[in-house]
Amino acid sequence: PQLVIEVVTEHFNISLDQMISKNRSNEIARPRQIAMYLCRQMTTNTVQSLGKAFGNRDHTTILHGADKINKMVISDENTKSTIDILIKKINPS
């Protein structure tokens, strides 16, 4: 999950501290949820371990964030293309 978090923070130009902070502003929360979604898609980590990686969040927070982005990928073309770009940055092969 660390690689995913680093790539997402770099892409959205936010700091690692902001990513794991309690800040709920849209500029921080959306990239955090995208990172949660990508971690769920691209790693085999449990939601509990992902919760720890995201600043000791509850596992239900991880599930909610990932589910929210999953729905947006289906309904919003911008979100889908952002996810595709991030996946290529994380896994260039």
PDB file of N, CA and C in Angstrom:
ATOM      1  N   PRO A   1       0.810  -1.222   0.000  1.00  0.00           N
ATOM      2  CA  PRO A   1       0.000   0.000   0.000  1.00  0.00           C
ATOM      3  C   PRO A   1       0.847   1.278   0.000  1.00  0.00           C
ATOM      4  N   GLN A   2       2.075   1.180   0.492  1.00  0.00           N
ATOM      5  CA  GLN A   2       2.913   2.385   0.570  1.00  0.00           C
ATOM      6  C   GLN A   2       3.191   2.970  -0.809  1.00  0.00           C
ATOM      7  N   LEU A   3       3.484   2.121  -1.779  1.00  0.00           N
ATOM      8  CA  LEU A   3       3.735   2.593  -3.151  1.00  0.00           C
ATOM      9  C   LEU A   3       2.485   3.278  -3.707  1.00  0.00           C
ATOM     10  N   VAL A   4       1.333   2.668  -3.526  1.00  0.00           N
ATOM     11  CA  VAL A   4       0.080   3.240  -4.017  1.00  0.00           C
ATOM     12  C   VAL A   4      -0.138   4.616  -3.392  1.00  0.00           C
ATOM     13  N   ILE A   5       0.028   4.698  -2.078  1.00  0.00           N
ATOM     14  CA  ILE A   5      -0.170   5.972  -1.365  1.00  0.00           C
ATOM     15  C   ILE A   5       0.798   7.026  -1.886  1.00  0.00           C
ATOM     16  N   GLU A   6       2.058   6.658  -2.083  1.00  0.00           N
ATOM     17  CA  GLU A   6       3.057   7.613  -2.578  1.00  0.00           C
ATOM     18  C   GLU A   6       2.709   8.118  -3.979  1.00  0.00           C
ATOM     19  N   VAL A   7       2.305   7.217  -4.865  1.00  0.00           N
ATOM     20  CA  VAL A   7       1.963   7.609  -6.237  1.00  0.00           C
ATOM     21  C   VAL A   7       0.749   8.546  -6.233  1.00  0.00           C
ATOM     22  N   VAL A   8      -0.259   8.235  -5.421  1.00  0.00           N
ATOM     23  CA  VAL A   8      -1.466   9.062  -5.364  1.00  0.00           C
ATOM     24  C   VAL A   8      -1.158  10.437  -4.768  1.00  0.00           C
ATOM     25  N   THR A   9      -0.356  10.478  -3.695  1.00  0.00           N
ATOM     26  CA  THR A   9      -0.017  11.783  -3.099  1.00  0.00           C
ATOM     27  C   THR A   9       0.739  12.641  -4.104  1.00  0.00           C
ATOM     28  N   GLU A  10       1.654  12.025  -4.845  1.00  0.00           N
ATOM     29  CA  GLU A  10       2.417  12.759  -5.856  1.00  0.00           C
ATOM     30  C   GLU A  10       1.501  13.257  -6.974  1.00  0.00           C
ATOM     31  N   HIS A  11       0.604  12.401  -7.439  1.00  0.00           N
ATOM     32  CA  HIS A  11      -0.306  12.754  -8.538  1.00  0.00           C
ATOM     33  C   HIS A  11      -1.212  13.940  -8.163  1.00  0.00           C
ATOM     34  N   PHE A  12      -1.713  13.929  -6.932  1.00  0.00           N
ATOM     35  CA  PHE A  12      -2.631  14.984  -6.503  1.00  0.00           C
ATOM     36  C   PHE A  12      -1.923  16.136  -5.796  1.00  0.00           C
ATOM     37  N   ASN A  13      -0.600  16.048  -5.725  1.00  0.00           N
ATOM     38  CA  ASN A  13       0.210  17.111  -5.125  1.00  0.00           C
ATOM     39  C   ASN A  13      -0.202  17.416  -3.687  1.00  0.00           C
ATOM     40  N   ILE A  14      -0.349  16.346  -2.892  1.00  0.00           N
ATOM     41  CA  ILE A  14      -0.591  16.513  -1.459  1.00  0.00           C
ATOM     42  C   ILE A  14       0.507  15.757  -0.714  1.00  0.00           C
ATOM     43  N   SER A  15       0.687  16.083   0.553  1.00  0.00           N
ATOM     44  CA  SER A  15       1.749  15.432   1.328  1.00  0.00           C
ATOM     45  C   SER A  15       1.244  14.124   1.928  1.00  0.00           C
ATOM     46  N   LEU A  16       2.185  13.285   2.318  1.00  0.00           N
ATOM     47  CA  LEU A  16       1.849  12.034   2.984  1.00  0.00           C
ATOM     48  C   LEU A  16       1.109  12.324   4.285  1.00  0.00           C
ATOM     49  N   ASP A  17       1.531  13.381   4.990  1.00  0.00           N
ATOM     50  CA  ASP A  17       0.860  13.768   6.232  1.00  0.00           C
ATOM     51  C   ASP A  17      -0.600  14.115   5.978  1.00  0.00           C
ATOM     52  N   GLN A  18      -0.860  14.827   4.877  1.00  0.00           N
ATOM     53  CA  GLN A  18      -2.241  15.167   4.531  1.00  0.00           C
ATOM     54  C   GLN A  18      -3.042  13.906   4.205  1.00  0.00           C
ATOM     55  N   MET A  19      -2.413  12.961   3.515  1.00  0.00           N
ATOM     56  CA  MET A  19      -3.085  11.727   3.116  1.00  0.00           C
ATOM     57  C   MET A  19      -3.588  10.951   4.332  1.00  0.00           C
ATOM     58  N   ILE A  20      -2.783  10.893   5.375  1.00  0.00           N
ATOM     59  CA  ILE A  20      -3.182  10.094   6.541  1.00  0.00           C
ATOM     60  C   ILE A  20      -3.797  10.941   7.659  1.00  0.00           C
ATOM     61  N   SER A  21      -3.951  12.248   7.402  1.00  0.00           N
ATOM     62  CA  SER A  21      -4.521  13.133   8.421  1.00  0.00           C
ATOM     63  C   SER A  21      -6.020  12.902   8.566  1.00  0.00           C
ATOM     64  N   LYS A  22      -6.605  13.590   9.533  1.00  0.00           N
ATOM     65  CA  LYS A  22      -8.053  13.517   9.751  1.00  0.00           C
ATOM     66  C   LYS A  22      -8.802  14.516   8.874  1.00  0.00           C
ATOM     67  N   ASN A  23      -8.073  15.281   8.057  1.00  0.00           N
ATOM     68  CA  ASN A  23      -8.661  16.298   7.190  1.00  0.00           C
ATOM     69  C   ASN A  23      -9.711  15.670   6.274  1.00  0.00           C
ATOM     70  N   ARG A  24     -10.923  16.239   6.287  1.00  0.00           N
ATOM     71  CA  ARG A  24     -11.994  15.680   5.477  1.00  0.00           C
ATOM     72  C   ARG A  24     -12.389  16.592   4.315  1.00  0.00           C
ATOM     73  N   SER A  25     -11.563  17.586   4.021  1.00  0.00           N
ATOM     74  CA  SER A  25     -11.869  18.453   2.871  1.00  0.00           C
ATOM     75  C   SER A  25     -11.777  17.622   1.594  1.00  0.00           C
ATOM     76  N   ASN A  26     -12.542  18.031   0.605  1.00  0.00           N
ATOM     77  CA  ASN A  26     -12.614  17.267  -0.646  1.00  0.00           C
ATOM     78  C   ASN A  26     -11.251  17.136  -1.327  1.00  0.00           C
ATOM     79  N   GLU A  27     -10.406  18.174  -1.212  1.00  0.00           N
ATOM     80  CA  GLU A  27      -9.081  18.138  -1.861  1.00  0.00           C
ATOM     81  C   GLU A  27      -8.198  17.037  -1.281  1.00  0.00           C
ATOM     82  N   ILE A  28      -8.467  16.649  -0.053  1.00  0.00           N
ATOM     83  CA  ILE A  28      -7.670  15.601   0.606  1.00  0.00           C
ATOM     84  C   ILE A  28      -8.440  14.277   0.630  1.00  0.00           C
ATOM     85  N   ALA A  29      -9.726  14.339   0.913  1.00  0.00           N
ATOM     86  CA  ALA A  29     -10.522  13.113   1.071  1.00  0.00           C
ATOM     87  C   ALA A  29     -10.641  12.326  -0.233  1.00  0.00           C
ATOM     88  N   ARG A  30     -10.836  13.016  -1.362  1.00  0.00           N
ATOM     89  CA  ARG A  30     -10.990  12.308  -2.637  1.00  0.00           C
ATOM     90  C   ARG A  30      -9.719  11.521  -3.001  1.00  0.00           C
ATOM     91  N   PRO A  31      -8.528  12.159  -2.972  1.00  0.00           N
ATOM     92  CA  PRO A  31      -7.313  11.362  -3.244  1.00  0.00           C
ATOM     93  C   PRO A  31      -7.136  10.210  -2.249  1.00  0.00           C
ATOM     94  N   ARG A  32      -7.493  10.431  -0.990  1.00  0.00           N
ATOM     95  CA  ARG A  32      -7.378   9.366   0.019  1.00  0.00           C
ATOM     96  C   ARG A  32      -8.296   8.204  -0.356  1.00  0.00           C
ATOM     97  N   GLN A  33      -9.518   8.505  -0.765  1.00  0.00           N
ATOM     98  CA  GLN A  33     -10.446   7.440  -1.153  1.00  0.00           C
ATOM     99  C   GLN A  33      -9.966   6.728  -2.418  1.00  0.00           C
ATOM    100  N   ILE A  34      -9.381   7.472  -3.331  1.00  0.00           N
ATOM    101  CA  ILE A  34      -8.826   6.853  -4.542  1.00  0.00           C
ATOM    102  C   ILE A  34      -7.691   5.904  -4.158  1.00  0.00           C
ATOM    103  N   ALA A  35      -6.839   6.328  -3.242  1.00  0.00           N
ATOM    104  CA  ALA A  35      -5.750   5.459  -2.779  1.00  0.00           C
ATOM    105  C   ALA A  35      -6.306   4.209  -2.092  1.00  0.00           C
ATOM    106  N   MET A  36      -7.370   4.374  -1.299  1.00  0.00           N
ATOM    107  CA  MET A  36      -8.003   3.223  -0.646  1.00  0.00           C
ATOM    108  C   MET A  36      -8.535   2.247  -1.704  1.00  0.00           C
ATOM    109  N   TYR A  37      -9.194   2.803  -2.713  1.00  0.00           N
ATOM    110  CA  TYR A  37      -9.741   1.984  -3.804  1.00  0.00           C
ATOM    111  C   TYR A  37      -8.621   1.206  -4.502  1.00  0.00           C
ATOM    112  N   LEU A  38      -7.542   1.915  -4.851  1.00  0.00           N
ATOM    113  CA  LEU A  38      -6.428   1.260  -5.554  1.00  0.00           C
ATOM    114  C   LEU A  38      -5.759   0.201  -4.679  1.00  0.00           C
ATOM    115  N   CYS A  39      -5.630   0.473  -3.390  1.00  0.00           N
ATOM    116  CA  CYS A  39      -5.053  -0.530  -2.481  1.00  0.00           C
ATOM    117  C   CYS A  39      -5.916  -1.787  -2.433  1.00  0.00           C
ATOM    118  N   ARG A  40      -7.224  -1.582  -2.423  1.00  0.00           N
ATOM    119  CA  ARG A  40      -8.130  -2.737  -2.414  1.00  0.00           C
ATOM    120  C   ARG A  40      -8.021  -3.520  -3.726  1.00  0.00           C
ATOM    121  N   GLN A  41      -7.842  -2.804  -4.843  1.00  0.00           N
ATOM    122  CA  GLN A  41      -7.789  -3.449  -6.154  1.00  0.00           C
ATOM    123  C   GLN A  41      -6.434  -4.118  -6.414  1.00  0.00           C
ATOM    124  N   MET A  42      -5.354  -3.477  -5.951  1.00  0.00           N
ATOM    125  CA  MET A  42      -4.014  -3.876  -6.401  1.00  0.00           C
ATOM    126  C   MET A  42      -3.174  -4.596  -5.352  1.00  0.00           C
ATOM    127  N   THR A  43      -3.649  -4.669  -4.106  1.00  0.00           N
ATOM    128  CA  THR A  43      -2.873  -5.369  -3.079  1.00  0.00           C
ATOM    129  C   THR A  43      -3.720  -6.476  -2.464  1.00  0.00           C
ATOM    130  N   THR A  44      -3.065  -7.346  -1.737  1.00  0.00           N
ATOM    131  CA  THR A  44      -3.771  -8.426  -1.055  1.00  0.00           C
ATOM    132  C   THR A  44      -3.913  -8.122   0.436  1.00  0.00           C
ATOM    133  N   ASN A  45      -3.619  -6.898   0.827  1.00  0.00           N
ATOM    134  CA  ASN A  45      -3.699  -6.513   2.227  1.00  0.00           C
ATOM    135  C   ASN A  45      -5.132  -6.584   2.750  1.00  0.00           C
ATOM    136  N   THR A  46      -5.259  -6.883   4.035  1.00  0.00           N
ATOM    137  CA  THR A  46      -6.581  -6.875   4.664  1.00  0.00           C
ATOM    138  C   THR A  46      -7.024  -5.429   4.860  1.00  0.00           C
ATOM    139  N   VAL A  47      -8.331  -5.237   5.019  1.00  0.00           N
ATOM    140  CA  VAL A  47      -8.821  -3.876   5.256  1.00  0.00           C
ATOM    141  C   VAL A  47      -8.309  -3.340   6.587  1.00  0.00           C
ATOM    142  N   GLN A  48      -8.060  -4.234   7.545  1.00  0.00           N
ATOM    143  CA  GLN A  48      -7.495  -3.798   8.826  1.00  0.00           C
ATOM    144  C   GLN A  48      -6.081  -3.244   8.639  1.00  0.00           C
ATOM    145  N   SER A  49      -5.251  -3.932   7.853  1.00  0.00           N
ATOM    146  CA  SER A  49      -3.884  -3.448   7.642  1.00  0.00           C
ATOM    147  C   SER A  49      -3.888  -2.172   6.795  1.00  0.00           C
ATOM    148  N   LEU A  50      -4.836  -2.064   5.858  1.00  0.00           N
ATOM    149  CA  LEU A  50      -4.952  -0.825   5.084  1.00  0.00           C
ATOM    150  C   LEU A  50      -5.388   0.324   5.995  1.00  0.00           C
ATOM    151  N   GLY A  51      -6.263   0.041   6.935  1.00  0.00           N
ATOM    152  CA  GLY A  51      -6.676   1.055   7.902  1.00  0.00           C
ATOM    153  C   GLY A  51      -5.483   1.618   8.655  1.00  0.00           C
ATOM    154  N   LYS A  52      -4.573   0.744   9.048  1.00  0.00           N
ATOM    155  CA  LYS A  52      -3.345   1.200   9.733  1.00  0.00           C
ATOM    156  C   LYS A  52      -2.499   2.063   8.807  1.00  0.00           C
ATOM    157  N   ALA A  53      -2.388   1.657   7.541  1.00  0.00           N
ATOM    158  CA  ALA A  53      -1.578   2.410   6.574  1.00  0.00           C
ATOM    159  C   ALA A  53      -2.147   3.800   6.321  1.00  0.00           C
ATOM    160  N   PHE A  54      -3.452   3.961   6.509  1.00  0.00           N
ATOM    161  CA  PHE A  54      -4.101   5.257   6.299  1.00  0.00           C
ATOM    162  C   PHE A  54      -4.342   5.986   7.614  1.00  0.00           C
ATOM    163  N   GLY A  55      -3.396   5.900   8.524  1.00  0.00           N
ATOM    164  CA  GLY A  55      -3.479   6.678   9.760  1.00  0.00           C
ATOM    165  C   GLY A  55      -4.423   6.087  10.790  1.00  0.00           C
ATOM    166  N   ASN A  56      -4.372   4.761  10.934  1.00  0.00           N
ATOM    167  CA  ASN A  56      -5.186   4.057  11.930  1.00  0.00           C
ATOM    168  C   ASN A  56      -6.685   4.282  11.763  1.00  0.00           C
ATOM    169  N   ARG A  57      -7.140   4.224  10.531  1.00  0.00           N
ATOM    170  CA  ARG A  57      -8.576   4.334  10.272  1.00  0.00           C
ATOM    171  C   ARG A  57      -9.245   2.979  10.480  1.00  0.00           C
ATOM    172  N   ASP A  58     -10.536   3.040  10.779  1.00  0.00           N
ATOM    173  CA  ASP A  58     -11.320   1.829  10.949  1.00  0.00           C
ATOM    174  C   ASP A  58     -11.473   1.116   9.597  1.00  0.00           C
ATOM    175  N   HIS A  59     -11.569  -0.211   9.627  1.00  0.00           N
ATOM    176  CA  HIS A  59     -11.677  -0.952   8.364  1.00  0.00           C
ATOM    177  C   HIS A  59     -12.929  -0.565   7.580  1.00  0.00           C
ATOM    178  N   THR A  60     -13.992  -0.137   8.270  1.00  0.00           N
ATOM    179  CA  THR A  60     -15.208   0.263   7.553  1.00  0.00           C
ATOM    180  C   THR A  60     -14.977   1.542   6.748  1.00  0.00           C
ATOM    181  N   THR A  61     -14.081   2.392   7.217  1.00  0.00           N
ATOM    182  CA  THR A  61     -13.726   3.609   6.476  1.00  0.00           C
ATOM    183  C   THR A  61     -13.069   3.238   5.148  1.00  0.00           C
ATOM    184  N   ILE A  62     -12.186   2.244   5.194  1.00  0.00           N
ATOM    185  CA  ILE A  62     -11.509   1.774   3.975  1.00  0.00           C
ATOM    186  C   ILE A  62     -12.541   1.218   2.992  1.00  0.00           C
ATOM    187  N   LEU A  63     -13.450   0.401   3.501  1.00  0.00           N
ATOM    188  CA  LEU A  63     -14.478  -0.189   2.645  1.00  0.00           C
ATOM    189  C   LEU A  63     -15.365   0.893   2.029  1.00  0.00           C
ATOM    190  N   HIS A  64     -15.760   1.875   2.835  1.00  0.00           N
ATOM    191  CA  HIS A  64     -16.614   2.954   2.345  1.00  0.00           C
ATOM    192  C   HIS A  64     -15.899   3.770   1.265  1.00  0.00           C
ATOM    193  N   GLY A  65     -14.636   4.138   1.525  1.00  0.00           N
ATOM    194  CA  GLY A  65     -13.872   4.933   0.569  1.00  0.00           C
ATOM    195  C   GLY A  65     -13.687   4.210  -0.751  1.00  0.00           C
ATOM    196  N   ALA A  66     -13.330   2.932  -0.673  1.00  0.00           N
ATOM    197  CA  ALA A  66     -13.107   2.137  -1.882  1.00  0.00           C
ATOM    198  C   ALA A  66     -14.422   1.954  -2.650  1.00  0.00           C
ATOM    199  N   ASP A  67     -15.506   1.716  -1.923  1.00  0.00           N
ATOM    200  CA  ASP A  67     -16.813   1.515  -2.558  1.00  0.00           C
ATOM    201  C   ASP A  67     -17.287   2.790  -3.251  1.00  0.00           C
ATOM    202  N   LYS A  68     -17.052   3.933  -2.612  1.00  0.00           N
ATOM    203  CA  LYS A  68     -17.467   5.217  -3.185  1.00  0.00           C
ATOM    204  C   LYS A  68     -16.756   5.461  -4.526  1.00  0.00           C
ATOM    205  N   ILE A  69     -15.436   5.206  -4.553  1.00  0.00           N
ATOM    206  CA  ILE A  69     -14.676   5.409  -5.794  1.00  0.00           C
ATOM    207  C   ILE A  69     -15.088   4.370  -6.837  1.00  0.00           C
ATOM    208  N   ASN A  70     -15.354   3.149  -6.405  1.00  0.00           N
ATOM    209  CA  ASN A  70     -15.798   2.104  -7.326  1.00  0.00           C
ATOM    210  C   ASN A  70     -17.068   2.546  -8.063  1.00  0.00           C
ATOM    211  N   LYS A  71     -18.008   3.143  -7.353  1.00  0.00           N
ATOM    212  CA  LYS A  71     -19.242   3.638  -7.976  1.00  0.00           C
ATOM    213  C   LYS A  71     -18.941   4.803  -8.913  1.00  0.00           C
ATOM    214  N   MET A  72     -17.999   5.662  -8.535  1.00  0.00           N
ATOM    215  CA  MET A  72     -17.642   6.809  -9.372  1.00  0.00           C
ATOM    216  C   MET A  72     -16.950   6.366 -10.663  1.00  0.00           C
ATOM    217  N   VAL A  73     -16.126   5.318 -10.578  1.00  0.00           N
ATOM    218  CA  VAL A  73     -15.440   4.799 -11.774  1.00  0.00           C
ATOM    219  C   VAL A  73     -16.481   4.379 -12.814  1.00  0.00           C
ATOM    220  N   ILE A  74     -17.579   3.805 -12.352  1.00  0.00           N
ATOM    221  CA  ILE A  74     -18.634   3.342 -13.249  1.00  0.00           C
ATOM    222  C   ILE A  74     -19.396   4.524 -13.859  1.00  0.00           C
ATOM    223  N   SER A  75     -19.639   5.559 -13.039  1.00  0.00           N
ATOM    224  CA  SER A  75     -20.526   6.638 -13.489  1.00  0.00           C
ATOM    225  C   SER A  75     -19.813   7.888 -13.995  1.00  0.00           C
ATOM    226  N   ASP A  76     -18.530   8.048 -13.678  1.00  0.00           N
ATOM    227  CA  ASP A  76     -17.838   9.296 -14.013  1.00  0.00           C
ATOM    228  C   ASP A  76     -16.572   9.011 -14.823  1.00  0.00           C
ATOM    229  N   GLU A  77     -16.572   9.497 -16.056  1.00  0.00           N
ATOM    230  CA  GLU A  77     -15.451   9.236 -16.970  1.00  0.00           C
ATOM    231  C   GLU A  77     -14.138   9.850 -16.464  1.00  0.00           C
ATOM    232  N   ASN A  78     -14.196  11.034 -15.851  1.00  0.00           N
ATOM    233  CA  ASN A  78     -12.978  11.672 -15.313  1.00  0.00           C
ATOM    234  C   ASN A  78     -12.334  10.812 -14.236  1.00  0.00           C
ATOM    235  N   THR A  79     -13.145  10.292 -13.340  1.00  0.00           N
ATOM    236  CA  THR A  79     -12.613   9.434 -12.274  1.00  0.00           C
ATOM    237  C   THR A  79     -11.989   8.190 -12.875  1.00  0.00           C
ATOM    238  N   LYS A  80     -12.663   7.593 -13.856  1.00  0.00           N
ATOM    239  CA  LYS A  80     -12.135   6.390 -14.489  1.00  0.00           C
ATOM    240  C   LYS A  80     -10.781   6.658 -15.144  1.00  0.00           C
ATOM    241  N   SER A  81     -10.655   7.774 -15.853  1.00  0.00           N
ATOM    242  CA  SER A  81      -9.375   8.058 -16.513  1.00  0.00           C
ATOM    243  C   SER A  81      -8.290   8.364 -15.485  1.00  0.00           C
ATOM    244  N   THR A  82      -8.642   9.031 -14.386  1.00  0.00           N
ATOM    245  CA  THR A  82      -7.663   9.274 -13.311  1.00  0.00           C
ATOM    246  C   THR A  82      -7.163   7.953 -12.740  1.00  0.00           C
ATOM    247  N   ILE A  83      -8.084   7.025 -12.490  1.00  0.00           N
ATOM    248  CA  ILE A  83      -7.713   5.702 -11.966  1.00  0.00           C
ATOM    249  C   ILE A  83      -6.793   4.986 -12.954  1.00  0.00           C
ATOM    250  N   ASP A  84      -7.140   5.033 -14.235  1.00  0.00           N
ATOM    251  CA  ASP A  84      -6.312   4.374 -15.260  1.00  0.00           C
ATOM    252  C   ASP A  84      -4.894   4.954 -15.288  1.00  0.00           C
ATOM    253  N   ILE A  85      -4.788   6.276 -15.194  1.00  0.00           N
ATOM    254  CA  ILE A  85      -3.475   6.934 -15.170  1.00  0.00           C
ATOM    255  C   ILE A  85      -2.680   6.477 -13.949  1.00  0.00           C
ATOM    256  N   LEU A  86      -3.328   6.459 -12.801  1.00  0.00           N
ATOM    257  CA  LEU A  86      -2.641   6.045 -11.554  1.00  0.00           C
ATOM    258  C   LEU A  86      -2.203   4.589 -11.612  1.00  0.00           C
ATOM    259  N   ILE A  87      -3.029   3.724 -12.178  1.00  0.00           N
ATOM    260  CA  ILE A  87      -2.654   2.308 -12.289  1.00  0.00           C
ATOM    261  C   ILE A  87      -1.411   2.170 -13.163  1.00  0.00           C
ATOM    262  N   LYS A  88      -1.339   2.946 -14.260  1.00  0.00           N
ATOM    263  CA  LYS A  88      -0.152   2.901 -15.127  1.00  0.00           C
ATOM    264  C   LYS A  88       1.091   3.421 -14.390  1.00  0.00           C
ATOM    265  N   LYS A  89       0.915   4.432 -13.545  1.00  0.00           N
ATOM    266  CA  LYS A  89       2.067   4.944 -12.773  1.00  0.00           C
ATOM    267  C   LYS A  89       2.540   3.933 -11.735  1.00  0.00           C
ATOM    268  N   ILE A  90       1.581   3.218 -11.122  1.00  0.00           N
ATOM    269  CA  ILE A  90       1.931   2.250 -10.087  1.00  0.00           C
ATOM    270  C   ILE A  90       2.555   1.007 -10.699  1.00  0.00           C
ATOM    271  N   ASN A  91       1.975   0.568 -11.815  1.00  0.00           N
ATOM    272  CA  ASN A  91       2.394  -0.681 -12.447  1.00  0.00           C
ATOM    273  C   ASN A  91       2.648  -0.427 -13.941  1.00  0.00           C
ATOM    274  N   PRO A  92       3.824   0.125 -14.280  1.00  0.00           N
ATOM    275  CA  PRO A  92       4.091   0.587 -15.659  1.00  0.00           C
ATOM    276  C   PRO A  92       4.132  -0.505 -16.727  1.00  0.00           C
ATOM    277  N   SER A  93       4.214  -1.766 -16.337  1.00  0.00           N
ATOM    278  CA  SER A  93       4.369  -2.846 -17.326  1.00  0.00           C
ATOM    279  C   SER A  93       3.183  -3.006 -18.241  1.00  0.00           C
TER     280      SER A  93
END
